[in-house]
C-alpha atoms as a PDB file:
ATOM      1  CA  ALA A   1      -0.019   0.080   0.012  1.00  0.00           C
ATOM      2  CA  ARG A   2       1.084   3.306  -0.716  1.00  0.00           C
ATOM      3  CA  LEU A   3      -0.297   6.862  -0.065  1.00  0.00           C
ATOM      4  CA  VAL A   4       1.537   9.935  -1.277  1.00  0.00           C
ATOM      5  CA  GLU A   5       0.543  13.370  -0.505  1.00  0.00           C
ATOM      6  CA  SER A   6       1.468  16.614  -2.438  1.00  0.00           C
ATOM      7  CA  GLY A   7       0.254  20.109  -2.591  1.00  0.00           C
ATOM      8  CA  GLY A   8       1.544  21.561   0.674  1.00  0.00           C
ATOM      9  CA  GLY A   9       3.533  24.760   0.757  1.00  0.00           C
ATOM     10  CA  LEU A  10       4.088  28.222   2.173  1.00  0.00           C
ATOM     11  CA  VAL A  11       0.761  30.353   2.182  1.00  0.00           C
ATOM     12  CA  GLN A  12      -0.180  33.924   3.609  1.00  0.00           C
ATOM     13  CA  VAL A  13      -3.116  33.857   5.934  1.00  0.00           C
ATOM     14  CA  GLY A  14      -6.707  34.032   3.779  1.00  0.00           C
ATOM     15  CA  GLY A  15      -4.810  32.121   1.066  1.00  0.00           C
ATOM     16  CA  SER A  16      -5.646  28.998  -0.434  1.00  0.00           C
ATOM     17  CA  LEU A  17      -4.120  25.234  -1.063  1.00  0.00           C
ATOM     18  CA  ARG A  18      -5.538  22.240  -2.483  1.00  0.00           C
ATOM     19  CA  LEU A  19      -3.734  19.058  -1.591  1.00  0.00           C
ATOM     20  CA  SER A  20      -3.977  16.104  -3.242  1.00  0.00           C
ATOM     21  CA  CYS A  21      -3.341  12.196  -2.213  1.00  0.00           C
ATOM     22  CA  ALA A  22      -2.644   9.494  -4.783  1.00  0.00           C
ATOM     23  CA  SER A  23      -3.067   5.898  -3.379  1.00  0.00           C
ATOM     24  CA  SER A  24      -2.071   2.537  -4.717  1.00  0.00           C
ATOM     25  CA  GLY A  25      -2.096  -0.856  -3.486  1.00  0.00           C
ATOM     26  CA  ILE A  26      -5.220  -0.267  -1.307  1.00  0.00           C
ATOM     27  CA  SER A  27      -8.937  -1.162  -1.543  1.00  0.00           C
ATOM     28  CA  PHE A  28      -9.780   2.498  -2.312  1.00  0.00           C
ATOM     29  CA  ARG A  29     -13.277   2.432  -3.197  1.00  0.00           C
ATOM     30  CA  SER A  30     -14.160  -0.040  -0.440  1.00  0.00           C
ATOM     31  CA  ASN A  31     -12.866   2.732   2.360  1.00  0.00           C
ATOM     32  CA  ASP A  32     -13.963   5.935   3.705  1.00  0.00           C
ATOM     33  CA  MET A  33     -11.067   8.004   3.352  1.00  0.00           C
ATOM     34  CA  ALA A  34      -9.693  11.084   5.657  1.00  0.00           C
ATOM     35  CA  TRP A  35      -7.314  13.625   5.636  1.00  0.00           C
ATOM     36  CA  TYR A  36      -5.358  14.013   9.057  1.00  0.00           C
ATOM     37  CA  ARG A  37      -3.020  16.670  10.416  1.00  0.00           C
ATOM     38  CA  GLN A  38      -0.155  16.665  12.843  1.00  0.00           C
ATOM     39  CA  THR A  39       1.512  19.530  14.583  1.00  0.00           C
ATOM     40  CA  PRO A  40       4.051  18.398  16.672  1.00  0.00           C
ATOM     41  CA  PRO A  41       4.326  17.283  19.599  1.00  0.00           C
ATOM     42  CA  ARG A  42       0.623  16.519  19.143  1.00  0.00           C
ATOM     43  CA  GLN A  43      -0.651  13.308  17.689  1.00  0.00           C
ATOM     44  CA  ARG A  44      -2.217  13.141  14.409  1.00  0.00           C
ATOM     45  CA  GLY A  45      -5.845  14.342  14.395  1.00  0.00           C
ATOM     46  CA  LEU A  46      -8.618  14.086  11.997  1.00  0.00           C
ATOM     47  CA  VAL A  47      -9.584  17.012   9.623  1.00  0.00           C
ATOM     48  CA  ALA A  48     -11.997  15.655   7.448  1.00  0.00           C
ATOM     49  CA  THR A  49     -13.694  12.430   6.256  1.00  0.00           C
ATOM     50  CA  ILE A  50     -15.545  11.195   3.063  1.00  0.00           C
ATOM     51  CA  SER A  51     -17.411   8.414   2.267  1.00  0.00           C
ATOM     52  CA  ARG A  52     -16.679   5.713  -0.139  1.00  0.00           C
ATOM     53  CA  ASP A  53     -18.865   7.079  -2.807  1.00  0.00           C
ATOM     54  CA  GLY A  54     -18.033  10.599  -1.809  1.00  0.00           C
ATOM     55  CA  SER A  55     -21.778  11.742  -0.759  1.00  0.00           C
ATOM     56  CA  VAL A  56     -21.156  12.059   2.928  1.00  0.00           C
ATOM     57  CA  THR A  57     -18.529  14.411   4.269  1.00  0.00           C
ATOM     58  CA  HIS A  58     -17.443  15.353   7.875  1.00  0.00           C
ATOM     59  CA  TYR A  59     -15.025  18.266   9.197  1.00  0.00           C
ATOM     60  CA  VAL A  60     -13.738  19.357  12.262  1.00  0.00           C
ATOM     61  CA  ASP A  61     -15.291  22.337  13.742  1.00  0.00           C
ATOM     62  CA  SER A  62     -12.132  24.237  12.904  1.00  0.00           C
ATOM     63  CA  VAL A  63     -12.191  23.847   9.308  1.00  0.00           C
ATOM     64  CA  LYS A  64     -15.946  23.833   8.509  1.00  0.00           C
ATOM     65  CA  GLY A  65     -16.901  26.142   5.813  1.00  0.00           C
ATOM     66  CA  ARG A  66     -13.329  26.751   4.781  1.00  0.00           C
ATOM     67  CA  PHE A  67     -11.987  22.977   3.615  1.00  0.00           C
ATOM     68  CA  THR A  68     -13.584  20.569   1.261  1.00  0.00           C
ATOM     69  CA  ILE A  69     -12.858  17.055   1.056  1.00  0.00           C
ATOM     70  CA  SER A  70     -13.228  15.289  -2.256  1.00  0.00           C
ATOM     71  CA  ARG A  71     -12.355  12.093  -4.032  1.00  0.00           C
ATOM     72  CA  ASP A  72     -11.812  10.657  -7.484  1.00  0.00           C
ATOM     73  CA  ASN A  73     -12.468   6.850  -7.555  1.00  0.00           C
ATOM     74  CA  ALA A  74     -11.532   6.541 -11.116  1.00  0.00           C
ATOM     75  CA  LYS A  75      -8.037   7.928 -10.266  1.00  0.00           C
ATOM     76  CA  ASN A  76      -7.799   6.573  -6.557  1.00  0.00           C
ATOM     77  CA  MET A  77      -7.305   9.830  -5.246  1.00  0.00           C
ATOM     78  CA  VAL A  78      -8.330  12.334  -2.346  1.00  0.00           C
ATOM     79  CA  LEU A  79      -8.340  15.900  -2.770  1.00  0.00           C
ATOM     80  CA  LEU A  80      -8.519  18.797   0.364  1.00  0.00           C
ATOM     81  CA  GLU A  81      -9.315  22.356  -0.888  1.00  0.00           C
ATOM     82  CA  MET A  82      -8.489  24.521   1.784  1.00  0.00           C
ATOM     83  CA  ASN A  83      -9.415  28.004   1.931  1.00  0.00           C
ATOM     84  CA  SER A  84      -9.103  31.156   4.162  1.00  0.00           C
ATOM     85  CA  LEU A  85      -6.175  29.742   5.763  1.00  0.00           C
ATOM     86  CA  LYS A  86      -5.244  30.550   9.278  1.00  0.00           C
ATOM     87  CA  PRO A  87      -1.983  30.165  11.038  1.00  0.00           C
ATOM     88  CA  GLU A  88      -3.782  27.300  13.083  1.00  0.00           C
ATOM     89  CA  ASP A  89      -4.108  25.319   9.985  1.00  0.00           C
ATOM     90  CA  THR A  90      -0.455  25.067   9.974  1.00  0.00           C
ATOM     91  CA  GLY A  91       1.047  21.267  10.040  1.00  0.00           C
ATOM     92  CA  GLU A  92       1.954  18.207   8.212  1.00  0.00           C
ATOM     93  CA  TYR A  93      -1.142  16.635   6.354  1.00  0.00           C
ATOM     94  CA  PHE A  94      -1.670  13.216   5.727  1.00  0.00           C
ATOM     95  CA  CYS A  95      -4.260  11.073   3.876  1.00  0.00           C
ATOM     96  CA  ASN A  96      -5.354   7.643   5.022  1.00  0.00           C
ATOM     97  CA  VAL A  97      -8.585   5.510   5.588  1.00  0.00           C
ATOM     98  CA  ALA A  98     -10.754   6.915   8.104  1.00  0.00           C
ATOM     99  CA  VAL A  99      -9.869   5.332  11.184  1.00  0.00           C
ATOM    100  CA  ALA A 100     -13.582   5.176  12.481  1.00  0.00           C
ATOM    101  CA  THR A 101     -14.366   2.860   9.619  1.00  0.00           C
ATOM    102  CA  GLY A 102     -11.618   1.261   8.388  1.00  0.00           C
ATOM    103  CA  ARG A 103      -8.107  -0.025   9.283  1.00  0.00           C
ATOM    104  CA  LEU A 104      -5.195   2.573   8.659  1.00  0.00           C
ATOM    105  CA  GLU A 105      -2.700   1.990   5.934  1.00  0.00           C
ATOM    106  CA  THR A 106       1.120   2.753   6.175  1.00  0.00           C
ATOM    107  CA  TRP A 107       1.335   6.385   6.557  1.00  0.00           C
ATOM    108  CA  GLY A 108       2.739   8.405   3.680  1.00  0.00           C
ATOM    109  CA  GLN A 109       5.251  10.996   3.873  1.00  0.00           C
ATOM    110  CA  GLY A 110       2.747  13.629   4.486  1.00  0.00           C
ATOM    111  CA  THR A 111       2.680  17.406   3.055  1.00  0.00           C
ATOM    112  CA  LEU A 112       3.662  20.406   5.012  1.00  0.00           C
ATOM    113  CA  VAL A 113       1.397  23.165   5.182  1.00  0.00           C
ATOM    114  CA  THR A 114       2.563  26.552   6.663  1.00  0.00           C
ATOM    115  CA  VAL A 115       0.162  29.566   6.813  1.00  0.00           C
ATOM    116  CA  TYR A 116       2.019  33.028   7.855  1.00  0.00           C
ATOM    117  CA  THR A 117       0.829  36.193   8.967  1.00  0.00           C
END
């Protein structure tokens, strides 16, 4: 199994980024997927989830209305559109199976998002 995140970067407060996650070797269409964020020394925390068919999404309160998760089952990809970014959005972002409904795969390298004032 392999998860490869990309799209992170350095962005000013109020800016936008689009994260991508390409998966291979997993039963992508059989799993709810999620984006997680890690800001050391904290553990990885859930940011957003999306159901297998993409019809149901959930977000942590801090990103509601600003982030949008989506998926492309034909390409085995998960996306995270991030708008109106805040300094507290800074962190390493990872995609993986949604832990509440599936078994986590090996973590990818993540993609770093840094929001500055």
